[in-house]
N, C-alpha and C. Protein backbone atom coordinates (compact mmCIF):
# COMPACT_ATOMS: atom_id res chain seq x y z
N UNK A 1 16.20 206.78 -87.05
CA UNK A 1 16.15 205.60 -86.19
C UNK A 1 16.54 206.00 -84.77
N UNK A 2 15.72 205.57 -83.80
CA UNK A 2 16.01 205.83 -82.40
C UNK A 2 16.23 204.50 -81.69
N UNK A 3 17.36 204.37 -81.03
CA UNK A 3 17.67 203.18 -80.25
C UNK A 3 17.62 203.51 -78.76
N UNK A 4 17.01 202.63 -77.99
CA UNK A 4 17.07 202.72 -76.53
C UNK A 4 18.07 201.66 -76.09
N UNK A 5 19.16 202.12 -75.49
CA UNK A 5 20.28 201.23 -75.21
C UNK A 5 20.49 201.07 -73.70
N UNK A 6 20.22 199.89 -73.15
CA UNK A 6 20.47 199.66 -71.73
C UNK A 6 21.97 199.71 -71.43
N UNK A 7 22.30 200.28 -70.30
CA UNK A 7 23.70 200.35 -69.86
C UNK A 7 23.86 199.64 -68.52
N UNK A 8 25.07 199.24 -68.15
CA UNK A 8 25.27 198.48 -66.91
C UNK A 8 24.73 199.22 -65.68
N UNK A 9 24.16 198.46 -64.73
CA UNK A 9 23.67 199.06 -63.50
C UNK A 9 24.78 199.16 -62.45
N UNK A 10 25.94 198.65 -62.77
CA UNK A 10 27.07 198.72 -61.84
C UNK A 10 28.34 198.20 -62.49
N UNK A 11 28.38 196.90 -62.71
CA UNK A 11 29.52 196.26 -63.33
C UNK A 11 29.57 196.60 -64.82
N UNK A 12 30.64 197.23 -65.26
CA UNK A 12 30.74 197.68 -66.66
C UNK A 12 30.75 196.53 -67.66
N UNK A 13 30.97 195.29 -67.19
CA UNK A 13 30.96 194.15 -68.09
C UNK A 13 29.54 193.75 -68.49
N UNK A 14 28.54 194.27 -67.77
CA UNK A 14 27.16 193.90 -68.04
C UNK A 14 26.55 194.75 -69.15
N UNK A 15 27.17 194.71 -70.30
CA UNK A 15 26.65 195.39 -71.49
C UNK A 15 26.76 194.40 -72.65
N UNK A 16 25.80 194.44 -73.56
CA UNK A 16 25.82 193.47 -74.65
C UNK A 16 26.73 193.92 -75.78
N UNK A 17 27.19 192.96 -76.57
CA UNK A 17 28.02 193.27 -77.74
C UNK A 17 27.24 194.15 -78.71
N UNK A 18 25.95 193.88 -78.83
CA UNK A 18 25.12 194.66 -79.75
C UNK A 18 24.99 196.10 -79.27
N UNK A 19 24.86 196.30 -77.96
CA UNK A 19 24.78 197.66 -77.43
C UNK A 19 26.03 198.45 -77.78
N UNK A 20 27.18 197.83 -77.67
CA UNK A 20 28.44 198.49 -78.03
C UNK A 20 28.45 198.84 -79.51
N UNK A 21 27.99 197.91 -80.35
CA UNK A 21 27.94 198.16 -81.79
C UNK A 21 27.04 199.35 -82.12
N UNK A 22 25.87 199.41 -81.49
CA UNK A 22 24.93 200.50 -81.75
C UNK A 22 25.53 201.83 -81.32
N UNK A 23 26.13 201.88 -80.14
CA UNK A 23 26.71 203.12 -79.65
C UNK A 23 27.85 203.61 -80.55
N UNK A 24 28.54 202.70 -81.17
CA UNK A 24 29.61 203.08 -82.11
C UNK A 24 29.06 203.57 -83.44
N UNK A 25 27.84 203.13 -83.76
CA UNK A 25 27.28 203.39 -85.09
C UNK A 25 26.42 204.65 -85.18
N UNK A 26 25.78 205.05 -84.09
CA UNK A 26 24.83 206.16 -84.16
C UNK A 26 25.54 207.50 -84.36
N UNK A 27 24.77 208.51 -84.79
CA UNK A 27 25.31 209.85 -84.98
C UNK A 27 25.38 210.65 -83.68
N UNK A 28 24.46 210.34 -82.76
CA UNK A 28 24.37 211.12 -81.52
C UNK A 28 23.88 210.23 -80.39
N UNK A 29 24.47 210.41 -79.21
CA UNK A 29 24.04 209.70 -78.01
C UNK A 29 23.41 210.68 -77.05
N UNK A 30 22.16 210.44 -76.70
CA UNK A 30 21.45 211.28 -75.73
C UNK A 30 21.65 210.66 -74.36
N UNK A 31 22.26 211.42 -73.45
CA UNK A 31 22.68 210.86 -72.17
C UNK A 31 22.04 211.60 -71.01
N UNK A 32 21.58 210.84 -70.02
CA UNK A 32 21.00 211.44 -68.82
C UNK A 32 22.04 212.30 -68.10
N UNK A 33 23.25 211.79 -67.98
CA UNK A 33 24.38 212.54 -67.41
C UNK A 33 25.59 212.26 -68.29
N UNK A 34 26.04 213.27 -69.01
CA UNK A 34 27.13 213.07 -69.98
C UNK A 34 28.42 212.62 -69.30
N UNK A 35 28.63 213.00 -68.06
CA UNK A 35 29.85 212.59 -67.35
C UNK A 35 29.83 211.09 -67.07
N UNK A 36 28.68 210.60 -66.62
CA UNK A 36 28.56 209.16 -66.35
C UNK A 36 28.71 208.36 -67.63
N UNK A 37 28.05 208.81 -68.70
CA UNK A 37 28.12 208.10 -69.97
C UNK A 37 29.52 208.16 -70.57
N UNK A 38 30.21 209.28 -70.39
CA UNK A 38 31.58 209.41 -70.90
C UNK A 38 32.48 208.35 -70.29
N UNK A 39 32.28 208.07 -69.02
CA UNK A 39 33.08 207.04 -68.34
C UNK A 39 32.87 205.68 -69.00
N UNK A 40 31.62 205.35 -69.32
CA UNK A 40 31.31 204.08 -69.99
C UNK A 40 31.90 204.05 -71.40
N UNK A 41 31.71 205.13 -72.16
CA UNK A 41 32.21 205.18 -73.53
C UNK A 41 33.73 205.10 -73.57
N UNK A 42 34.38 205.77 -72.66
CA UNK A 42 35.85 205.71 -72.61
C UNK A 42 36.33 204.29 -72.32
N UNK A 43 35.60 203.60 -71.46
CA UNK A 43 35.98 202.23 -71.11
C UNK A 43 35.96 201.33 -72.34
N UNK A 44 35.01 201.57 -73.25
CA UNK A 44 34.90 200.75 -74.46
C UNK A 44 35.43 201.46 -75.70
N UNK A 45 36.19 202.52 -75.49
CA UNK A 45 36.86 203.26 -76.57
C UNK A 45 35.87 203.68 -77.66
N UNK A 46 34.77 204.26 -77.22
CA UNK A 46 33.74 204.76 -78.13
C UNK A 46 33.79 206.28 -78.13
N UNK A 47 33.97 206.86 -79.30
CA UNK A 47 34.05 208.32 -79.42
C UNK A 47 32.84 208.80 -80.22
N UNK A 48 31.88 209.39 -79.52
CA UNK A 48 30.67 209.87 -80.17
C UNK A 48 30.22 211.17 -79.53
N UNK A 49 29.47 211.95 -80.30
CA UNK A 49 28.92 213.19 -79.76
C UNK A 49 27.85 212.86 -78.72
N UNK A 50 27.93 213.55 -77.59
CA UNK A 50 26.97 213.38 -76.51
C UNK A 50 26.13 214.63 -76.36
N UNK A 51 24.86 214.43 -76.05
CA UNK A 51 23.98 215.56 -75.78
C UNK A 51 23.16 215.24 -74.54
N UNK A 52 23.03 216.17 -73.60
CA UNK A 52 22.26 215.89 -72.39
C UNK A 52 20.78 215.70 -72.69
N UNK A 53 20.19 214.69 -72.08
CA UNK A 53 18.76 214.41 -72.24
C UNK A 53 18.26 213.84 -70.92
N UNK A 54 17.53 214.66 -70.18
CA UNK A 54 17.10 214.26 -68.84
C UNK A 54 15.74 214.90 -68.52
N UNK A 55 15.24 214.64 -67.33
CA UNK A 55 13.88 215.07 -66.98
C UNK A 55 13.71 216.58 -66.95
N UNK A 56 14.80 217.32 -66.85
CA UNK A 56 14.71 218.77 -66.78
C UNK A 56 14.72 219.45 -68.16
N UNK A 57 15.10 218.72 -69.22
CA UNK A 57 15.13 219.35 -70.54
C UNK A 57 14.40 218.56 -71.62
N UNK A 58 13.82 217.41 -71.28
CA UNK A 58 13.25 216.55 -72.32
C UNK A 58 12.10 217.20 -73.06
N UNK A 59 11.34 218.06 -72.41
CA UNK A 59 10.26 218.76 -73.11
C UNK A 59 10.79 219.80 -74.08
N UNK A 60 11.83 220.53 -73.66
CA UNK A 60 12.37 221.61 -74.48
C UNK A 60 13.05 221.12 -75.75
N UNK A 61 13.74 219.98 -75.67
CA UNK A 61 14.52 219.51 -76.82
C UNK A 61 13.74 218.53 -77.70
N UNK A 62 12.51 218.21 -77.33
CA UNK A 62 11.77 217.16 -78.03
C UNK A 62 11.61 217.43 -79.52
N UNK A 63 11.10 218.59 -79.88
CA UNK A 63 10.85 218.90 -81.30
C UNK A 63 12.14 218.90 -82.11
N UNK A 64 13.20 219.46 -81.55
CA UNK A 64 14.49 219.52 -82.26
C UNK A 64 15.02 218.11 -82.53
N UNK A 65 14.93 217.24 -81.53
CA UNK A 65 15.43 215.87 -81.71
C UNK A 65 14.62 215.11 -82.75
N UNK A 66 13.31 215.28 -82.71
CA UNK A 66 12.45 214.58 -83.68
C UNK A 66 12.73 215.07 -85.09
N UNK A 67 12.95 216.36 -85.24
CA UNK A 67 13.24 216.89 -86.58
C UNK A 67 14.55 216.32 -87.11
N UNK A 68 15.53 216.15 -86.25
CA UNK A 68 16.80 215.55 -86.67
C UNK A 68 16.62 214.09 -87.06
N UNK A 69 15.80 213.39 -86.30
CA UNK A 69 15.53 211.99 -86.62
C UNK A 69 14.81 211.88 -87.96
N UNK A 70 13.89 212.78 -88.23
CA UNK A 70 13.17 212.76 -89.50
C UNK A 70 14.08 213.08 -90.68
N UNK A 71 15.17 213.78 -90.40
CA UNK A 71 16.15 214.09 -91.45
C UNK A 71 17.09 212.92 -91.70
N UNK A 72 16.98 211.86 -90.90
CA UNK A 72 17.78 210.66 -91.15
C UNK A 72 18.86 210.36 -90.14
N UNK A 73 18.95 211.16 -89.09
CA UNK A 73 19.98 210.89 -88.09
C UNK A 73 19.62 209.65 -87.26
N UNK A 74 20.67 208.95 -86.82
CA UNK A 74 20.49 207.81 -85.92
C UNK A 74 20.93 208.24 -84.53
N UNK A 75 20.04 208.00 -83.56
CA UNK A 75 20.34 208.40 -82.19
C UNK A 75 20.16 207.22 -81.24
N UNK A 76 20.91 207.29 -80.13
CA UNK A 76 20.74 206.32 -79.04
C UNK A 76 20.45 207.08 -77.76
N UNK A 77 19.51 206.57 -76.99
CA UNK A 77 19.22 207.13 -75.67
C UNK A 77 19.81 206.20 -74.62
N UNK A 78 20.57 206.76 -73.69
CA UNK A 78 21.09 205.98 -72.57
C UNK A 78 20.81 206.74 -71.28
N UNK A 79 20.71 206.01 -70.19
CA UNK A 79 20.59 206.63 -68.88
C UNK A 79 21.84 206.30 -68.08
N UNK A 80 21.88 206.78 -66.85
CA UNK A 80 23.07 206.53 -66.03
C UNK A 80 23.28 205.04 -65.78
N UNK A 81 22.17 204.30 -65.69
CA UNK A 81 22.24 202.86 -65.45
C UNK A 81 20.90 202.23 -65.80
N UNK A 82 20.95 201.08 -66.46
CA UNK A 82 19.73 200.35 -66.76
C UNK A 82 19.09 200.73 -68.09
N UNK A 83 17.82 200.40 -68.23
CA UNK A 83 17.10 200.57 -69.48
C UNK A 83 16.36 201.91 -69.51
N UNK A 84 16.58 202.71 -70.54
CA UNK A 84 15.86 203.99 -70.66
C UNK A 84 14.35 203.78 -70.62
N UNK A 85 13.66 204.70 -69.95
CA UNK A 85 12.22 204.61 -69.87
C UNK A 85 11.71 203.93 -68.62
N UNK A 86 12.57 203.20 -67.91
CA UNK A 86 12.19 202.56 -66.65
C UNK A 86 12.60 203.49 -65.52
N UNK A 87 11.67 204.33 -65.08
CA UNK A 87 11.93 205.37 -64.06
C UNK A 87 13.04 206.33 -64.51
N UNK A 88 13.21 206.47 -65.80
CA UNK A 88 14.19 207.39 -66.39
C UNK A 88 13.61 207.95 -67.68
N UNK A 89 14.18 209.06 -68.19
CA UNK A 89 13.65 209.68 -69.40
C UNK A 89 13.68 208.74 -70.62
N UNK A 90 12.77 208.96 -71.53
CA UNK A 90 12.70 208.28 -72.83
C UNK A 90 11.27 208.24 -73.36
N UNK A 91 10.29 208.15 -72.44
CA UNK A 91 8.90 207.96 -72.86
C UNK A 91 8.43 209.03 -73.84
N UNK A 92 8.67 210.31 -73.53
CA UNK A 92 8.18 211.39 -74.38
C UNK A 92 8.72 211.28 -75.80
N UNK A 93 10.01 211.01 -75.89
CA UNK A 93 10.66 210.92 -77.20
C UNK A 93 10.15 209.71 -77.97
N UNK A 94 10.00 208.58 -77.30
CA UNK A 94 9.50 207.37 -77.96
C UNK A 94 8.08 207.62 -78.48
N UNK A 95 7.23 208.21 -77.65
CA UNK A 95 5.85 208.46 -78.06
C UNK A 95 5.79 209.36 -79.29
N UNK A 96 6.61 210.40 -79.31
CA UNK A 96 6.59 211.33 -80.44
C UNK A 96 7.14 210.67 -81.70
N UNK A 97 8.17 209.84 -81.55
CA UNK A 97 8.72 209.13 -82.71
C UNK A 97 7.67 208.20 -83.33
N UNK A 98 6.92 207.53 -82.50
CA UNK A 98 5.87 206.64 -83.01
C UNK A 98 4.81 207.45 -83.75
N UNK A 99 4.47 208.63 -83.24
CA UNK A 99 3.46 209.48 -83.89
C UNK A 99 3.88 209.89 -85.29
N UNK A 100 5.16 210.22 -85.47
CA UNK A 100 5.61 210.77 -86.75
C UNK A 100 6.23 209.71 -87.67
N UNK A 101 6.31 208.47 -87.20
CA UNK A 101 6.79 207.40 -88.06
C UNK A 101 8.27 207.13 -88.01
N UNK A 102 8.95 207.61 -86.98
CA UNK A 102 10.38 207.30 -86.80
C UNK A 102 10.48 205.92 -86.14
N UNK A 103 11.28 205.05 -86.68
CA UNK A 103 11.42 203.71 -86.14
C UNK A 103 12.14 203.75 -84.79
N UNK A 104 11.62 203.00 -83.84
CA UNK A 104 12.20 202.93 -82.49
C UNK A 104 12.53 201.48 -82.17
N UNK A 105 13.70 201.26 -81.61
CA UNK A 105 14.09 199.91 -81.23
C UNK A 105 14.74 199.94 -79.85
N UNK A 106 14.23 199.11 -78.95
CA UNK A 106 14.81 199.00 -77.62
C UNK A 106 15.61 197.71 -77.53
N UNK A 107 16.88 197.82 -77.22
CA UNK A 107 17.74 196.64 -77.09
C UNK A 107 17.47 195.98 -75.73
N UNK A 108 17.57 194.65 -75.67
CA UNK A 108 17.47 193.99 -74.37
C UNK A 108 18.75 194.24 -73.57
N UNK A 109 18.59 194.26 -72.26
CA UNK A 109 19.77 194.49 -71.44
C UNK A 109 19.44 194.73 -69.99
N UNK A 110 20.38 195.33 -69.30
CA UNK A 110 20.29 195.47 -67.84
C UNK A 110 19.15 196.35 -67.39
N UNK A 111 18.51 195.94 -66.31
CA UNK A 111 17.57 196.78 -65.57
C UNK A 111 17.56 196.26 -64.14
N UNK A 112 17.53 197.15 -63.17
CA UNK A 112 17.80 196.76 -61.78
C UNK A 112 16.71 195.87 -61.17
N UNK A 113 15.43 196.09 -61.56
CA UNK A 113 14.39 195.39 -60.81
C UNK A 113 14.32 193.90 -61.10
N UNK A 114 14.82 193.45 -62.26
CA UNK A 114 14.72 192.03 -62.60
C UNK A 114 15.58 191.17 -61.67
N UNK A 115 16.88 191.42 -61.53
CA UNK A 115 17.64 190.60 -60.59
C UNK A 115 17.16 190.73 -59.15
N UNK A 116 16.71 191.94 -58.76
CA UNK A 116 16.20 192.12 -57.40
C UNK A 116 14.98 191.25 -57.16
N UNK A 117 14.09 191.18 -58.15
CA UNK A 117 12.89 190.37 -58.04
C UNK A 117 13.23 188.89 -58.00
N UNK A 118 14.07 188.44 -58.90
CA UNK A 118 14.36 187.02 -59.03
C UNK A 118 15.07 186.48 -57.79
N UNK A 119 15.99 187.26 -57.20
CA UNK A 119 16.70 186.73 -56.03
C UNK A 119 16.04 187.07 -54.70
N UNK A 120 14.81 187.63 -54.75
CA UNK A 120 14.12 188.01 -53.53
C UNK A 120 13.53 186.82 -52.78
N UNK A 121 13.25 185.74 -53.50
CA UNK A 121 12.56 184.62 -52.88
C UNK A 121 11.07 184.83 -52.77
N UNK A 122 10.57 185.92 -53.36
CA UNK A 122 9.15 186.25 -53.36
C UNK A 122 8.60 185.91 -54.74
N UNK A 123 7.37 185.38 -54.85
CA UNK A 123 6.84 184.94 -56.15
C UNK A 123 7.02 185.99 -57.25
N UNK A 124 7.54 185.55 -58.40
CA UNK A 124 7.81 186.46 -59.51
C UNK A 124 6.92 186.18 -60.72
N UNK A 125 5.93 185.29 -60.55
CA UNK A 125 5.07 184.97 -61.70
C UNK A 125 4.09 186.09 -62.01
N UNK A 126 3.70 186.88 -60.99
CA UNK A 126 2.84 188.04 -61.19
C UNK A 126 3.37 189.18 -60.32
N UNK A 127 3.62 190.32 -60.92
CA UNK A 127 4.15 191.44 -60.13
C UNK A 127 3.76 192.76 -60.77
N UNK A 128 3.84 193.83 -59.98
CA UNK A 128 3.62 195.17 -60.50
C UNK A 128 4.81 196.04 -60.12
N UNK A 129 5.23 196.87 -61.06
CA UNK A 129 6.37 197.75 -60.86
C UNK A 129 5.86 199.15 -60.56
N UNK A 130 6.21 199.68 -59.39
CA UNK A 130 5.74 201.00 -58.97
C UNK A 130 6.82 202.07 -59.07
N UNK A 131 8.08 201.68 -59.25
CA UNK A 131 9.15 202.66 -59.34
C UNK A 131 9.27 203.49 -58.07
N UNK A 132 9.56 204.79 -58.23
CA UNK A 132 9.64 205.69 -57.08
C UNK A 132 8.25 206.17 -56.71
N UNK A 133 7.82 205.93 -55.49
CA UNK A 133 6.50 206.39 -55.08
C UNK A 133 6.59 207.86 -54.67
N UNK A 134 5.46 208.60 -54.71
CA UNK A 134 5.49 210.03 -54.39
C UNK A 134 6.05 210.29 -53.00
N UNK A 135 6.76 211.42 -52.86
CA UNK A 135 7.33 211.77 -51.56
C UNK A 135 6.26 212.30 -50.62
N UNK A 136 5.33 213.09 -51.15
CA UNK A 136 4.30 213.69 -50.30
C UNK A 136 2.92 213.53 -50.91
N UNK A 137 2.59 214.37 -51.89
CA UNK A 137 1.25 214.37 -52.47
C UNK A 137 0.94 213.03 -53.13
N UNK A 138 -0.13 212.40 -52.69
CA UNK A 138 -0.56 211.13 -53.27
C UNK A 138 0.08 209.91 -52.64
N UNK A 139 1.03 210.10 -51.74
CA UNK A 139 1.74 208.95 -51.16
C UNK A 139 0.79 208.06 -50.34
N UNK A 140 0.04 208.67 -49.42
CA UNK A 140 -0.86 207.89 -48.58
C UNK A 140 -1.95 207.20 -49.39
N UNK A 141 -2.49 207.91 -50.38
CA UNK A 141 -3.54 207.33 -51.22
C UNK A 141 -3.02 206.10 -51.96
N UNK A 142 -1.81 206.22 -52.50
CA UNK A 142 -1.22 205.09 -53.23
C UNK A 142 -0.97 203.92 -52.30
N UNK A 143 -0.42 204.17 -51.12
CA UNK A 143 -0.11 203.08 -50.19
C UNK A 143 -1.38 202.38 -49.72
N UNK A 144 -2.47 203.13 -49.54
CA UNK A 144 -3.74 202.51 -49.17
C UNK A 144 -4.22 201.57 -50.27
N UNK A 145 -4.05 201.99 -51.52
CA UNK A 145 -4.44 201.14 -52.65
C UNK A 145 -3.56 199.89 -52.72
N UNK A 146 -2.26 200.07 -52.54
CA UNK A 146 -1.33 198.96 -52.66
C UNK A 146 -1.46 197.97 -51.51
N UNK A 147 -2.05 198.39 -50.40
CA UNK A 147 -2.26 197.48 -49.28
C UNK A 147 -3.15 196.31 -49.67
N UNK A 148 -3.96 196.50 -50.71
CA UNK A 148 -4.85 195.44 -51.19
C UNK A 148 -4.29 194.70 -52.40
N UNK A 149 -3.12 195.10 -52.87
CA UNK A 149 -2.51 194.48 -54.05
C UNK A 149 -2.07 193.05 -53.75
N UNK A 150 -2.51 192.11 -54.58
CA UNK A 150 -2.17 190.71 -54.36
C UNK A 150 -0.91 190.27 -55.08
N UNK A 151 -0.48 191.06 -56.05
CA UNK A 151 0.75 190.71 -56.76
C UNK A 151 1.98 191.20 -56.00
N UNK A 152 3.12 190.62 -56.28
CA UNK A 152 4.39 191.11 -55.75
C UNK A 152 4.60 192.53 -56.25
N UNK A 153 5.10 193.40 -55.37
CA UNK A 153 5.31 194.81 -55.72
C UNK A 153 6.79 195.16 -55.71
N UNK A 154 7.18 195.99 -56.68
CA UNK A 154 8.59 196.39 -56.80
C UNK A 154 8.69 197.90 -56.76
N UNK A 155 9.62 198.39 -55.96
CA UNK A 155 9.81 199.83 -55.80
C UNK A 155 11.28 200.19 -55.94
N UNK A 156 11.53 201.43 -56.40
CA UNK A 156 12.87 202.01 -56.33
C UNK A 156 12.87 203.03 -55.19
N UNK A 157 14.01 203.19 -54.53
CA UNK A 157 14.10 204.17 -53.46
C UNK A 157 15.55 204.64 -53.31
N UNK A 158 15.72 205.83 -52.77
CA UNK A 158 17.05 206.34 -52.49
C UNK A 158 17.51 205.82 -51.13
N UNK A 159 18.81 205.71 -50.91
CA UNK A 159 19.29 205.18 -49.62
C UNK A 159 18.88 206.04 -48.43
N UNK A 160 18.77 207.35 -48.61
CA UNK A 160 18.43 208.22 -47.48
C UNK A 160 16.97 208.08 -47.06
N UNK A 161 16.12 207.58 -47.97
CA UNK A 161 14.70 207.43 -47.65
C UNK A 161 14.29 205.99 -47.42
N UNK A 162 15.22 205.06 -47.48
CA UNK A 162 14.90 203.64 -47.41
C UNK A 162 14.14 203.28 -46.13
N UNK A 163 14.69 203.62 -44.99
CA UNK A 163 14.08 203.22 -43.72
C UNK A 163 12.72 203.87 -43.56
N UNK A 164 12.59 205.14 -43.91
CA UNK A 164 11.30 205.83 -43.83
C UNK A 164 10.25 205.12 -44.68
N UNK A 165 10.62 204.72 -45.88
CA UNK A 165 9.68 204.03 -46.77
C UNK A 165 9.31 202.66 -46.20
N UNK A 166 10.27 201.93 -45.66
CA UNK A 166 9.97 200.64 -45.05
C UNK A 166 9.02 200.81 -43.86
N UNK A 167 9.21 201.87 -43.09
CA UNK A 167 8.30 202.13 -41.96
C UNK A 167 6.89 202.46 -42.47
N UNK A 168 6.80 203.19 -43.57
CA UNK A 168 5.49 203.46 -44.17
C UNK A 168 4.84 202.17 -44.66
N UNK A 169 5.64 201.28 -45.24
CA UNK A 169 5.10 200.00 -45.69
C UNK A 169 4.57 199.20 -44.50
N UNK A 170 5.26 199.25 -43.37
CA UNK A 170 4.80 198.56 -42.17
C UNK A 170 3.44 199.10 -41.74
N UNK A 171 3.30 200.41 -41.81
CA UNK A 171 2.04 201.04 -41.41
C UNK A 171 0.88 200.56 -42.26
N UNK A 172 1.09 200.46 -43.56
CA UNK A 172 -0.01 200.14 -44.47
C UNK A 172 -0.12 198.65 -44.82
N UNK A 173 1.02 197.93 -44.83
CA UNK A 173 1.01 196.53 -45.24
C UNK A 173 1.09 195.56 -44.06
N UNK A 174 1.54 196.05 -42.90
CA UNK A 174 1.75 195.18 -41.74
C UNK A 174 3.20 194.75 -41.62
N UNK A 175 3.69 194.64 -40.41
CA UNK A 175 5.12 194.38 -40.20
C UNK A 175 5.54 192.96 -40.56
N UNK A 176 4.58 192.05 -40.69
CA UNK A 176 4.92 190.65 -40.99
C UNK A 176 5.01 190.36 -42.48
N UNK A 177 4.71 191.33 -43.32
CA UNK A 177 4.76 191.12 -44.77
C UNK A 177 6.20 190.85 -45.20
N UNK A 178 6.39 189.86 -46.05
CA UNK A 178 7.73 189.51 -46.53
C UNK A 178 8.24 190.55 -47.52
N UNK A 179 9.53 190.83 -47.44
CA UNK A 179 10.13 191.78 -48.38
C UNK A 179 11.59 191.43 -48.61
N UNK A 180 12.17 192.12 -49.58
CA UNK A 180 13.59 191.97 -49.88
C UNK A 180 14.11 193.32 -50.35
N UNK A 181 15.26 193.70 -49.84
CA UNK A 181 15.91 194.94 -50.27
C UNK A 181 17.24 194.59 -50.92
N UNK A 182 17.41 195.08 -52.14
CA UNK A 182 18.67 194.85 -52.88
C UNK A 182 19.35 196.19 -53.10
N UNK A 183 20.64 196.24 -52.88
CA UNK A 183 21.40 197.47 -53.13
C UNK A 183 22.74 197.12 -53.77
N UNK A 184 23.26 198.08 -54.51
CA UNK A 184 24.57 197.91 -55.19
C UNK A 184 24.59 196.66 -56.07
N UNK A 185 23.49 196.37 -56.74
CA UNK A 185 23.41 195.18 -57.59
C UNK A 185 24.52 195.16 -58.63
N UNK A 186 25.15 194.02 -58.77
CA UNK A 186 26.24 193.74 -59.72
C UNK A 186 27.56 194.37 -59.33
N UNK A 187 27.60 195.09 -58.20
CA UNK A 187 28.85 195.73 -57.75
C UNK A 187 29.53 194.89 -56.68
N UNK A 188 30.71 195.34 -56.26
CA UNK A 188 31.51 194.59 -55.30
C UNK A 188 30.79 194.38 -53.96
N UNK A 189 30.04 195.40 -53.53
CA UNK A 189 29.39 195.32 -52.22
C UNK A 189 27.88 195.07 -52.35
N UNK A 190 27.50 194.29 -53.36
CA UNK A 190 26.09 193.95 -53.53
C UNK A 190 25.54 193.30 -52.26
N UNK A 191 24.31 193.68 -51.92
CA UNK A 191 23.68 193.13 -50.73
C UNK A 191 22.20 192.89 -51.02
N UNK A 192 21.72 191.72 -50.60
CA UNK A 192 20.30 191.38 -50.71
C UNK A 192 19.83 190.92 -49.33
N UNK A 193 18.94 191.68 -48.74
CA UNK A 193 18.46 191.37 -47.39
C UNK A 193 16.99 191.00 -47.45
N UNK A 194 16.67 189.76 -47.04
CA UNK A 194 15.30 189.29 -47.06
C UNK A 194 14.78 189.11 -45.64
N UNK A 195 13.46 189.20 -45.48
CA UNK A 195 12.82 189.00 -44.19
C UNK A 195 11.49 189.69 -44.14
N UNK A 196 10.93 189.85 -42.94
CA UNK A 196 9.70 190.62 -42.82
C UNK A 196 10.03 192.10 -42.95
N UNK A 197 9.02 192.90 -43.19
CA UNK A 197 9.25 194.35 -43.26
C UNK A 197 9.89 194.87 -41.98
N UNK A 198 9.44 194.38 -40.82
CA UNK A 198 10.02 194.82 -39.56
C UNK A 198 11.47 194.40 -39.43
N UNK A 199 11.79 193.18 -39.79
CA UNK A 199 13.17 192.70 -39.69
C UNK A 199 14.10 193.50 -40.60
N UNK A 200 13.66 193.74 -41.82
CA UNK A 200 14.51 194.45 -42.78
C UNK A 200 14.64 195.93 -42.41
N UNK A 201 13.55 196.54 -41.93
CA UNK A 201 13.63 197.94 -41.50
C UNK A 201 14.58 198.10 -40.32
N UNK A 202 14.52 197.18 -39.38
CA UNK A 202 15.43 197.22 -38.22
C UNK A 202 16.88 197.06 -38.66
N UNK A 203 17.10 196.14 -39.57
CA UNK A 203 18.47 195.88 -40.07
C UNK A 203 19.08 197.13 -40.69
N UNK A 204 18.33 197.80 -41.56
CA UNK A 204 18.90 198.96 -42.25
C UNK A 204 18.89 200.22 -41.38
N UNK A 205 18.10 200.24 -40.33
CA UNK A 205 18.11 201.40 -39.43
C UNK A 205 19.37 201.43 -38.58
N UNK A 206 20.06 200.31 -38.52
CA UNK A 206 21.25 200.20 -37.67
C UNK A 206 22.56 200.31 -38.44
N UNK A 207 22.47 200.75 -39.71
CA UNK A 207 23.69 200.86 -40.52
C UNK A 207 23.55 202.01 -41.50
N UNK A 208 24.68 202.42 -42.05
CA UNK A 208 24.69 203.44 -43.09
C UNK A 208 24.37 202.78 -44.43
N UNK A 209 23.40 203.33 -45.13
CA UNK A 209 22.94 202.73 -46.39
C UNK A 209 23.46 203.55 -47.56
N UNK A 210 24.05 202.87 -48.53
CA UNK A 210 24.54 203.53 -49.74
C UNK A 210 24.08 202.74 -50.96
N UNK A 211 24.14 203.39 -52.11
CA UNK A 211 23.86 202.69 -53.37
C UNK A 211 22.42 202.79 -53.82
N UNK A 212 22.17 202.31 -55.04
CA UNK A 212 20.82 202.27 -55.60
C UNK A 212 20.03 201.16 -54.92
N UNK A 213 18.75 201.44 -54.65
CA UNK A 213 17.93 200.53 -53.85
C UNK A 213 16.74 200.01 -54.64
N UNK A 214 16.50 198.69 -54.56
CA UNK A 214 15.27 198.09 -55.07
C UNK A 214 14.59 197.37 -53.91
N UNK A 215 13.32 197.65 -53.70
CA UNK A 215 12.54 196.99 -52.65
C UNK A 215 11.49 196.10 -53.31
N UNK A 216 11.45 194.84 -52.90
CA UNK A 216 10.45 193.91 -53.38
C UNK A 216 9.58 193.50 -52.19
N UNK A 217 8.27 193.64 -52.32
CA UNK A 217 7.34 193.35 -51.22
C UNK A 217 6.29 192.35 -51.70
N UNK A 218 6.04 191.34 -50.88
CA UNK A 218 5.03 190.35 -51.22
C UNK A 218 3.65 190.98 -51.28
N UNK A 219 2.79 190.46 -52.13
CA UNK A 219 1.42 190.93 -52.22
C UNK A 219 0.61 190.47 -51.03
N UNK A 220 -0.60 190.99 -50.92
CA UNK A 220 -1.47 190.64 -49.80
C UNK A 220 -1.82 189.16 -49.80
């Protein structure tokens, strides 16, 4: 049995009772960063074996993990924050488990783009999630395509690249397009800034930006 267990995106209270039960019950927890996960487990007094599972080793450990699952082990996949598989490792393992008949269950729980979308003030009835867009190769091609997208668009970005990405959006989407930037969601210094792309880009260009970033942009 493989469980995908969402973990808090900031506030440690944002975890479900069921997630805690599963983490206590499994034989092994696969963690994107064992240090980050150890902090969460210690907070809830959970003592379990941890094994690193991230984008740099997921191909190498895939067969070994699947063989253990086929032998009857119960495993949980967690990432540093949010739901595994959403711009984080998990897809390869889930796909292989489905191929060989290992049961997979994803628990409901925290993910950063949902609160960012809902509190953006931008229509949430139809949207597309783009995650992290390419840094170089394919970036311009993708932005040209998205310039015609009519649905609300959601992106993840690092704080150091936020302003550059907003400026790129201005180039391809126009400076008057409505957007919202959310950072440090669920934490003490949570911030949600709404306005046009130009207004929001100017605002963040004049300050030091920290924390995980979600950008929501209105469709054409």
